[in-house]
Amino acid sequence: MSPKHVTPEGLNSNANPGASSGSAVSGLVIAAADANEVMREQLEYLIEHAGNGTCGCPQCHRYLRARALLMEIFAYSRSCAGERDNLISA
């Protein structure tokens, strides 16, 4: 069983206690979306939402939190560069 293709045999029968044991599962099972795709779509949505400035709504707060986390690496890189320059000039 692959993450993209779920077979009835791969389902947890304990998850649906109302179903009789050993019964055949009918219907279509939709596999979970790729987490990276979902994150990209959410980032695109938040960037588009905040494109004309933040308005203070929950989506803008999510955008600001996500942006701060993603921009941390650049603050770290600048502080490391400053430390390196201090070591070189010493």
PDB file of N, CA and C in Angstrom:
ATOM      1  N   MET A   1       0.847  -1.181   0.000  1.00  0.00           N
ATOM      2  CA  MET A   1       0.000   0.000   0.000  1.00  0.00           C
ATOM      3  C   MET A   1       0.886   1.234   0.000  1.00  0.00           C
ATOM      4  N   SER A   2       0.682   2.142  -0.935  1.00  0.00           N
ATOM      5  CA  SER A   2       1.443   3.380  -1.000  1.00  0.00           C
ATOM      6  C   SER A   2       0.651   4.497  -0.343  1.00  0.00           C
ATOM      7  N   PRO A   3       1.320   5.619   0.025  1.00  0.00           N
ATOM      8  CA  PRO A   3       0.602   6.727   0.665  1.00  0.00           C
ATOM      9  C   PRO A   3      -0.461   7.347  -0.234  1.00  0.00           C
ATOM     10  N   LYS A   4      -0.328   7.207  -1.549  1.00  0.00           N
ATOM     11  CA  LYS A   4      -1.279   7.824  -2.473  1.00  0.00           C
ATOM     12  C   LYS A   4      -2.455   6.908  -2.791  1.00  0.00           C
ATOM     13  N   HIS A   5      -2.315   5.626  -2.532  1.00  0.00           N
ATOM     14  CA  HIS A   5      -3.366   4.675  -2.887  1.00  0.00           C
ATOM     15  C   HIS A   5      -3.744   3.879  -1.652  1.00  0.00           C
ATOM     16  N   VAL A   6      -4.968   4.041  -1.206  1.00  0.00           N
ATOM     17  CA  VAL A   6      -5.432   3.342  -0.016  1.00  0.00           C
ATOM     18  C   VAL A   6      -6.377   2.239  -0.443  1.00  0.00           C
ATOM     19  N   THR A   7      -6.117   1.038   0.043  1.00  0.00           N
ATOM     20  CA  THR A   7      -7.002  -0.087  -0.249  1.00  0.00           C
ATOM     21  C   THR A   7      -7.865  -0.359   0.965  1.00  0.00           C
ATOM     22  N   PRO A   8      -9.011  -0.987   0.780  1.00  0.00           N
ATOM     23  CA  PRO A   8      -9.867  -1.300   1.930  1.00  0.00           C
ATOM     24  C   PRO A   8      -9.150  -2.127   2.988  1.00  0.00           C
ATOM     25  N   GLU A   9      -8.225  -2.991   2.564  1.00  0.00           N
ATOM     26  CA  GLU A   9      -7.495  -3.820   3.522  1.00  0.00           C
ATOM     27  C   GLU A   9      -6.595  -2.971   4.416  1.00  0.00           C
ATOM     28  N   GLY A  10      -6.196  -1.792   3.921  1.00  0.00           N
ATOM     29  CA  GLY A  10      -5.303  -0.925   4.678  1.00  0.00           C
ATOM     30  C   GLY A  10      -6.020  -0.021   5.668  1.00  0.00           C
ATOM     31  N   LEU A  11      -7.347  -0.059   5.677  1.00  0.00           N
ATOM     32  CA  LEU A  11      -8.111   0.792   6.583  1.00  0.00           C
ATOM     33  C   LEU A  11      -8.162   0.175   7.967  1.00  0.00           C
ATOM     34  N   ASN A  12      -8.251   1.019   8.962  1.00  0.00           N
ATOM     35  CA  ASN A  12      -8.331   0.584  10.355  1.00  0.00           C
ATOM     36  C   ASN A  12      -9.789   0.303  10.680  1.00  0.00           C
ATOM     37  N   SER A  13     -10.141  -0.947  10.885  1.00  0.00           N
ATOM     38  CA  SER A  13     -11.533  -1.290  11.179  1.00  0.00           C
ATOM     39  C   SER A  13     -11.968  -0.784  12.538  1.00  0.00           C
ATOM     40  N   ASN A  14     -11.023  -0.513  13.444  1.00  0.00           N
ATOM     41  CA  ASN A  14     -11.363   0.015  14.759  1.00  0.00           C
ATOM     42  C   ASN A  14     -11.807   1.473  14.682  1.00  0.00           C
ATOM     43  N   ALA A  15     -11.495   2.141  13.583  1.00  0.00           N
ATOM     44  CA  ALA A  15     -11.850   3.550  13.435  1.00  0.00           C
ATOM     45  C   ALA A  15     -13.353   3.728  13.230  1.00  0.00           C
ATOM     46  N   ASN A  16     -14.041   2.706  12.781  1.00  0.00           N
ATOM     47  CA  ASN A  16     -15.480   2.781  12.567  1.00  0.00           C
ATOM     48  C   ASN A  16     -16.148   1.655  13.349  1.00  0.00           C
ATOM     49  N   PRO A  17     -16.409   1.866  14.629  1.00  0.00           N
ATOM     50  CA  PRO A  17     -16.969   0.789  15.444  1.00  0.00           C
ATOM     51  C   PRO A  17     -18.366   0.365  15.013  1.00  0.00           C
ATOM     52  N   GLY A  18     -19.088   1.184  14.261  1.00  0.00           N
ATOM     53  CA  GLY A  18     -20.431   0.833  13.811  1.00  0.00           C
ATOM     54  C   GLY A  18     -20.426  -0.183  12.687  1.00  0.00           C
ATOM     55  N   ALA A  19     -19.310  -0.308  12.020  1.00  0.00           N
ATOM     56  CA  ALA A  19     -19.230  -1.257  10.909  1.00  0.00           C
ATOM     57  C   ALA A  19     -19.065  -2.663  11.451  1.00  0.00           C
ATOM     58  N   SER A  20     -19.696  -3.621  10.794  1.00  0.00           N
ATOM     59  CA  SER A  20     -19.539  -5.005  11.237  1.00  0.00           C
ATOM     60  C   SER A  20     -18.166  -5.501  10.852  1.00  0.00           C
ATOM     61  N   SER A  21     -17.596  -6.354  11.681  1.00  0.00           N
ATOM     62  CA  SER A  21     -16.242  -6.839  11.425  1.00  0.00           C
ATOM     63  C   SER A  21     -16.256  -7.741  10.205  1.00  0.00           C
ATOM     64  N   GLY A  22     -15.229  -7.581   9.382  1.00  0.00           N
ATOM     65  CA  GLY A  22     -15.086  -8.412   8.207  1.00  0.00           C
ATOM     66  C   GLY A  22     -15.946  -7.974   7.032  1.00  0.00           C
ATOM     67  N   SER A  23     -16.700  -6.900   7.182  1.00  0.00           N
ATOM     68  CA  SER A  23     -17.545  -6.451   6.075  1.00  0.00           C
ATOM     69  C   SER A  23     -16.694  -5.756   5.024  1.00  0.00           C
ATOM     70  N   ALA A  24     -17.122  -5.850   3.807  1.00  0.00           N
ATOM     71  CA  ALA A  24     -16.409  -5.200   2.710  1.00  0.00           C
ATOM     72  C   ALA A  24     -16.672  -3.698   2.780  1.00  0.00           C
ATOM     73  N   VAL A  25     -15.634  -2.931   2.544  1.00  0.00           N
ATOM     74  CA  VAL A  25     -15.757  -1.477   2.536  1.00  0.00           C
ATOM     75  C   VAL A  25     -16.091  -1.056   1.117  1.00  0.00           C
ATOM     76  N   SER A  26     -17.178  -0.304   0.971  1.00  0.00           N
ATOM     77  CA  SER A  26     -17.530   0.170  -0.360  1.00  0.00           C
ATOM     78  C   SER A  26     -17.324   1.665  -0.422  1.00  0.00           C
ATOM     79  N   GLY A  27     -17.209   2.180  -1.607  1.00  0.00           N
ATOM     80  CA  GLY A  27     -17.025   3.621  -1.775  1.00  0.00           C
ATOM     81  C   GLY A  27     -15.584   3.961  -2.074  1.00  0.00           C
ATOM     82  N   LEU A  28     -15.380   5.206  -2.301  1.00  0.00           N
ATOM     83  CA  LEU A  28     -14.070   5.722  -2.673  1.00  0.00           C
ATOM     84  C   LEU A  28     -13.368   6.284  -1.455  1.00  0.00           C
ATOM     85  N   VAL A  29     -12.120   5.933  -1.285  1.00  0.00           N
ATOM     86  CA  VAL A  29     -11.305   6.477  -0.206  1.00  0.00           C
ATOM     87  C   VAL A  29     -10.347   7.475  -0.824  1.00  0.00           C
ATOM     88  N   ILE A  30     -10.388   8.702  -0.344  1.00  0.00           N
ATOM     89  CA  ILE A  30      -9.529   9.752  -0.881  1.00  0.00           C
ATOM     90  C   ILE A  30      -8.276   9.831  -0.032  1.00  0.00           C
ATOM     91  N   ALA A  31      -7.133   9.687  -0.676  1.00  0.00           N
ATOM     92  CA  ALA A  31      -5.852   9.746   0.029  1.00  0.00           C
ATOM     93  C   ALA A  31      -5.562  11.171   0.458  1.00  0.00           C
ATOM     94  N   ALA A  32      -4.787  11.302   1.512  1.00  0.00           N
ATOM     95  CA  ALA A  32      -4.411  12.623   2.025  1.00  0.00           C
ATOM     96  C   ALA A  32      -3.565  13.376   1.002  1.00  0.00           C
ATOM     97  N   ALA A  33      -3.712  14.677   0.993  1.00  0.00           N
ATOM     98  CA  ALA A  33      -2.926  15.529   0.098  1.00  0.00           C
ATOM     99  C   ALA A  33      -1.477  15.575   0.573  1.00  0.00           C
ATOM    100  N   ASP A  34      -0.575  15.855  -0.337  1.00  0.00           N
ATOM    101  CA  ASP A  34       0.831  16.004  -0.003  1.00  0.00           C
ATOM    102  C   ASP A  34       1.002  17.224   0.898  1.00  0.00           C
ATOM    103  N   ALA A  35       1.627  17.035   2.048  1.00  0.00           N
ATOM    104  CA  ALA A  35       1.770  18.114   3.030  1.00  0.00           C
ATOM    105  C   ALA A  35       2.520  19.311   2.456  1.00  0.00           C
ATOM    106  N   ASN A  36       3.540  19.073   1.639  1.00  0.00           N
ATOM    107  CA  ASN A  36       4.291  20.185   1.049  1.00  0.00           C
ATOM    108  C   ASN A  36       3.419  21.008   0.112  1.00  0.00           C
ATOM    109  N   GLU A  37       2.571  20.330  -0.665  1.00  0.00           N
ATOM    110  CA  GLU A  37       1.662  21.057  -1.557  1.00  0.00           C
ATOM    111  C   GLU A  37       0.693  21.911  -0.758  1.00  0.00           C
ATOM    112  N   VAL A  38       0.168  21.352   0.321  1.00  0.00           N
ATOM    113  CA  VAL A  38      -0.790  22.085   1.145  1.00  0.00           C
ATOM    114  C   VAL A  38      -0.113  23.312   1.753  1.00  0.00           C
ATOM    115  N   MET A  39       1.120  23.156   2.242  1.00  0.00           N
ATOM    116  CA  MET A  39       1.826  24.301   2.829  1.00  0.00           C
ATOM    117  C   MET A  39       2.078  25.379   1.787  1.00  0.00           C
ATOM    118  N   ARG A  40       2.480  24.972   0.571  1.00  0.00           N
ATOM    119  CA  ARG A  40       2.705  25.961  -0.497  1.00  0.00           C
ATOM    120  C   ARG A  40       1.418  26.709  -0.832  1.00  0.00           C
ATOM    121  N   GLU A  41       0.317  25.961  -0.942  1.00  0.00           N
ATOM    122  CA  GLU A  41      -0.961  26.606  -1.247  1.00  0.00           C
ATOM    123  C   GLU A  41      -1.363  27.576  -0.142  1.00  0.00           C
ATOM    124  N   GLN A  42      -1.152  27.183   1.104  1.00  0.00           N
ATOM    125  CA  GLN A  42      -1.487  28.069   2.219  1.00  0.00           C
ATOM    126  C   GLN A  42      -0.611  29.319   2.204  1.00  0.00           C
ATOM    127  N   LEU A  43       0.682  29.155   1.922  1.00  0.00           N
ATOM    128  CA  LEU A  43       1.576  30.318   1.841  1.00  0.00           C
ATOM    129  C   LEU A  43       1.162  31.247   0.711  1.00  0.00           C
ATOM    130  N   GLU A  44       0.842  30.674  -0.441  1.00  0.00           N
ATOM    131  CA  GLU A  44       0.396  31.493  -1.570  1.00  0.00           C
ATOM    132  C   GLU A  44      -0.864  32.265  -1.198  1.00  0.00           C
ATOM    133  N   TYR A  45      -1.799  31.588  -0.535  1.00  0.00           N
ATOM    134  CA  TYR A  45      -3.036  32.244  -0.115  1.00  0.00           C
ATOM    135  C   TYR A  45      -2.739  33.399   0.838  1.00  0.00           C
ATOM    136  N   LEU A  46      -1.888  33.152   1.838  1.00  0.00           N
ATOM    137  CA  LEU A  46      -1.581  34.187   2.825  1.00  0.00           C
ATOM    138  C   LEU A  46      -0.836  35.355   2.199  1.00  0.00           C
ATOM    139  N   ILE A  47       0.084  35.070   1.283  1.00  0.00           N
ATOM    140  CA  ILE A  47       0.832  36.136   0.607  1.00  0.00           C
ATOM    141  C   ILE A  47      -0.125  36.983  -0.230  1.00  0.00           C
ATOM    142  N   GLU A  48      -1.025  36.317  -0.949  1.00  0.00           N
ATOM    143  CA  GLU A  48      -1.994  37.056  -1.765  1.00  0.00           C
ATOM    144  C   GLU A  48      -2.912  37.891  -0.872  1.00  0.00           C
ATOM    145  N   HIS A  49      -3.339  37.311   0.237  1.00  0.00           N
ATOM    146  CA  HIS A  49      -4.243  38.020   1.146  1.00  0.00           C
ATOM    147  C   HIS A  49      -3.585  39.283   1.700  1.00  0.00           C
ATOM    148  N   ALA A  50      -2.324  39.174   2.082  1.00  0.00           N
ATOM    149  CA  ALA A  50      -1.622  40.299   2.707  1.00  0.00           C
ATOM    150  C   ALA A  50      -0.893  41.158   1.681  1.00  0.00           C
ATOM    151  N   GLY A  51      -1.107  40.913   0.403  1.00  0.00           N
ATOM    152  CA  GLY A  51      -0.404  41.623  -0.651  1.00  0.00           C
ATOM    153  C   GLY A  51      -0.566  43.133  -0.631  1.00  0.00           C
ATOM    154  N   ASN A  52      -1.715  43.617  -0.216  1.00  0.00           N
ATOM    155  CA  ASN A  52      -1.967  45.063  -0.188  1.00  0.00           C
ATOM    156  C   ASN A  52      -1.838  45.632   1.223  1.00  0.00           C
ATOM    157  N   GLY A  53      -1.193  44.912   2.091  1.00  0.00           N
ATOM    158  CA  GLY A  53      -1.039  45.357   3.480  1.00  0.00           C
ATOM    159  C   GLY A  53      -1.868  44.499   4.409  1.00  0.00           C
ATOM    160  N   THR A  54      -1.448  44.449   5.650  1.00  0.00           N
ATOM    161  CA  THR A  54      -2.165  43.637   6.617  1.00  0.00           C
ATOM    162  C   THR A  54      -3.292  44.452   7.251  1.00  0.00           C
ATOM    163  N   CYS A  55      -4.409  43.781   7.488  1.00  0.00           N
ATOM    164  CA  CYS A  55      -5.585  44.460   8.027  1.00  0.00           C
ATOM    165  C   CYS A  55      -5.871  44.075   9.475  1.00  0.00           C
ATOM    166  N   GLY A  56      -5.125  43.129  10.029  1.00  0.00           N
ATOM    167  CA  GLY A  56      -5.321  42.738  11.416  1.00  0.00           C
ATOM    168  C   GLY A  56      -6.229  41.536  11.604  1.00  0.00           C
ATOM    169  N   CYS A  57      -6.718  40.951  10.521  1.00  0.00           N
ATOM    170  CA  CYS A  57      -7.606  39.792  10.617  1.00  0.00           C
ATOM    171  C   CYS A  57      -6.784  38.533  10.956  1.00  0.00           C
ATOM    172  N   PRO A  58      -7.443  37.430  11.289  1.00  0.00           N
ATOM    173  CA  PRO A  58      -6.713  36.196  11.622  1.00  0.00           C
ATOM    174  C   PRO A  58      -5.770  35.714  10.509  1.00  0.00           C
ATOM    175  N   GLN A  59      -6.171  35.881   9.239  1.00  0.00           N
ATOM    176  CA  GLN A  59      -5.295  35.477   8.133  1.00  0.00           C
ATOM    177  C   GLN A  59      -4.036  36.324   8.094  1.00  0.00           C
ATOM    178  N   CYS A  60      -4.164  37.610   8.371  1.00  0.00           N
ATOM    179  CA  CYS A  60      -2.990  38.483   8.401  1.00  0.00           C
ATOM    180  C   CYS A  60      -2.063  38.104   9.552  1.00  0.00           C
ATOM    181  N   HIS A  61      -2.630  37.727  10.683  1.00  0.00           N
ATOM    182  CA  HIS A  61      -1.808  37.277  11.806  1.00  0.00           C
ATOM    183  C   HIS A  61      -1.071  35.986  11.454  1.00  0.00           C
ATOM    184  N   ARG A  62      -1.754  35.070  10.755  1.00  0.00           N
ATOM    185  CA  ARG A  62      -1.090  33.839  10.295  1.00  0.00           C
ATOM    186  C   ARG A  62       0.045  34.181   9.340  1.00  0.00           C
ATOM    187  N   TYR A  63      -0.207  35.112   8.426  1.00  0.00           N
ATOM    188  CA  TYR A  63       0.822  35.535   7.475  1.00  0.00           C
ATOM    189  C   TYR A  63       2.041  36.079   8.213  1.00  0.00           C
ATOM    190  N   LEU A  64       1.814  36.948   9.187  1.00  0.00           N
ATOM    191  CA  LEU A  64       2.927  37.558   9.918  1.00  0.00           C
ATOM    192  C   LEU A  64       3.720  36.513  10.708  1.00  0.00           C
ATOM    193  N   ARG A  65       3.022  35.540  11.309  1.00  0.00           N
ATOM    194  CA  ARG A  65       3.728  34.474  12.035  1.00  0.00           C
ATOM    195  C   ARG A  65       4.544  33.615  11.080  1.00  0.00           C
ATOM    196  N   ALA A  66       3.947  33.231   9.948  1.00  0.00           N
ATOM    197  CA  ALA A  66       4.656  32.404   8.969  1.00  0.00           C
ATOM    198  C   ALA A  66       5.856  33.156   8.400  1.00  0.00           C
ATOM    199  N   ARG A  67       5.666  34.429   8.100  1.00  0.00           N
ATOM    200  CA  ARG A  67       6.751  35.244   7.548  1.00  0.00           C
ATOM    201  C   ARG A  67       7.899  35.359   8.544  1.00  0.00           C
ATOM    202  N   ALA A  68       7.573  35.597   9.807  1.00  0.00           N
ATOM    203  CA  ALA A  68       8.615  35.717  10.829  1.00  0.00           C
ATOM    204  C   ALA A  68       9.416  34.426  10.939  1.00  0.00           C
ATOM    205  N   LEU A  69       8.742  33.286  10.912  1.00  0.00           N
ATOM    206  CA  LEU A  69       9.451  32.004  10.996  1.00  0.00           C
ATOM    207  C   LEU A  69      10.343  31.778   9.786  1.00  0.00           C
ATOM    208  N   LEU A  70       9.818  32.096   8.604  1.00  0.00           N
ATOM    209  CA  LEU A  70      10.599  31.867   7.390  1.00  0.00           C
ATOM    210  C   LEU A  70      11.761  32.847   7.252  1.00  0.00           C
ATOM    211  N   MET A  71      11.644  34.027   7.820  1.00  0.00           N
ATOM    212  CA  MET A  71      12.696  35.032   7.703  1.00  0.00           C
ATOM    213  C   MET A  71      13.775  34.890   8.778  1.00  0.00           C
ATOM    214  N   GLU A  72      13.546  34.034   9.783  1.00  0.00           N
ATOM    215  CA  GLU A  72      14.532  33.846  10.851  1.00  0.00           C
ATOM    216  C   GLU A  72      15.909  33.482  10.312  1.00  0.00           C
ATOM    217  N   ILE A  73      15.962  32.673   9.279  1.00  0.00           N
ATOM    218  CA  ILE A  73      17.245  32.217   8.740  1.00  0.00           C
ATOM    219  C   ILE A  73      18.093  33.390   8.267  1.00  0.00           C
ATOM    220  N   PHE A  74      17.452  34.429   7.745  1.00  0.00           N
ATOM    221  CA  PHE A  74      18.208  35.574   7.262  1.00  0.00           C
ATOM    222  C   PHE A  74      18.778  36.387   8.417  1.00  0.00           C
ATOM    223  N   ALA A  75      18.045  36.514   9.497  1.00  0.00           N
ATOM    224  CA  ALA A  75      18.561  37.201  10.689  1.00  0.00           C
ATOM    225  C   ALA A  75      19.731  36.414  11.255  1.00  0.00           C
ATOM    226  N   TYR A  76      19.623  35.091  11.263  1.00  0.00           N
ATOM    227  CA  TYR A  76      20.702  34.241  11.752  1.00  0.00           C
ATOM    228  C   TYR A  76      21.927  34.381  10.851  1.00  0.00           C
ATOM    229  N   SER A  77      21.719  34.408   9.536  1.00  0.00           N
ATOM    230  CA  SER A  77      22.837  34.546   8.593  1.00  0.00           C
ATOM    231  C   SER A  77      23.564  35.864   8.798  1.00  0.00           C
ATOM    232  N   ARG A  78      22.817  36.955   9.018  1.00  0.00           N
ATOM    233  CA  ARG A  78      23.445  38.260   9.241  1.00  0.00           C
ATOM    234  C   ARG A  78      24.239  38.271  10.530  1.00  0.00           C
ATOM    235  N   SER A  79      23.717  37.650  11.593  1.00  0.00           N
ATOM    236  CA  SER A  79      24.451  37.644  12.856  1.00  0.00           C
ATOM    237  C   SER A  79      25.711  36.802  12.736  1.00  0.00           C
ATOM    238  N   CYS A  80      25.648  35.712  11.986  1.00  0.00           N
ATOM    239  CA  CYS A  80      26.838  34.882  11.769  1.00  0.00           C
ATOM    240  C   CYS A  80      27.877  35.635  10.949  1.00  0.00           C
ATOM    241  N   ALA A  81      27.435  36.392   9.945  1.00  0.00           N
ATOM    242  CA  ALA A  81      28.355  37.171   9.119  1.00  0.00           C
ATOM    243  C   ALA A  81      29.035  38.237   9.968  1.00  0.00           C
ATOM    244  N   GLY A  82      28.288  38.873  10.863  1.00  0.00           N
ATOM    245  CA  GLY A  82      28.866  39.881  11.752  1.00  0.00           C
ATOM    246  C   GLY A  82      29.908  39.275  12.682  1.00  0.00           C
ATOM    247  N   GLU A  83      29.615  38.097  13.224  1.00  0.00           N
ATOM    248  CA  GLU A  83      30.587  37.414  14.081  1.00  0.00           C
ATOM    249  C   GLU A  83      31.826  37.040  13.289  1.00  0.00           C
ATOM    250  N   ARG A  84      31.630  36.588  12.056  1.00  0.00           N
ATOM    251  CA  ARG A  84      32.773  36.213  11.208  1.00  0.00           C
ATOM    252  C   ARG A  84      33.643  37.435  10.940  1.00  0.00           C
ATOM    253  N   ASP A  85      33.010  38.574  10.645  1.00  0.00           N
ATOM    254  CA  ASP A  85      33.769  39.808  10.374  1.00  0.00           C
ATOM    255  C   ASP A  85      34.537  40.237  11.599  1.00  0.00           C
ATOM    256  N   ASN A  86      33.935  40.071  12.782  1.00  0.00           N
ATOM    257  CA  ASN A  86      34.628  40.429  14.027  1.00  0.00           C
ATOM    258  C   ASN A  86      35.859  39.546  14.236  1.00  0.00           C
ATOM    259  N   LEU A  87      35.733  38.263  13.907  1.00  0.00           N
ATOM    260  CA  LEU A  87      36.866  37.341  14.070  1.00  0.00           C
ATOM    261  C   LEU A  87      37.988  37.671  13.100  1.00  0.00           C
ATOM    262  N   ILE A  88      37.632  38.056  11.877  1.00  0.00           N
ATOM    263  CA  ILE A  88      38.626  38.372  10.854  1.00  0.00           C
ATOM    264  C   ILE A  88      39.387  39.648  11.223  1.00  0.00           C
ATOM    265  N   SER A  89      38.681  40.657  11.729  1.00  0.00           N
ATOM    266  CA  SER A  89      39.332  41.927  12.045  1.00  0.00           C
ATOM    267  C   SER A  89      40.118  41.868  13.354  1.00  0.00           C
ATOM    268  N   ALA A  90      39.936  40.839  14.141  1.00  0.00           N
ATOM    269  CA  ALA A  90      40.631  40.754  15.436  1.00  0.00           C
ATOM    270  C   ALA A  90      42.045  40.278  15.309  1.00  0.00           C
TER     271      ALA A  90
END
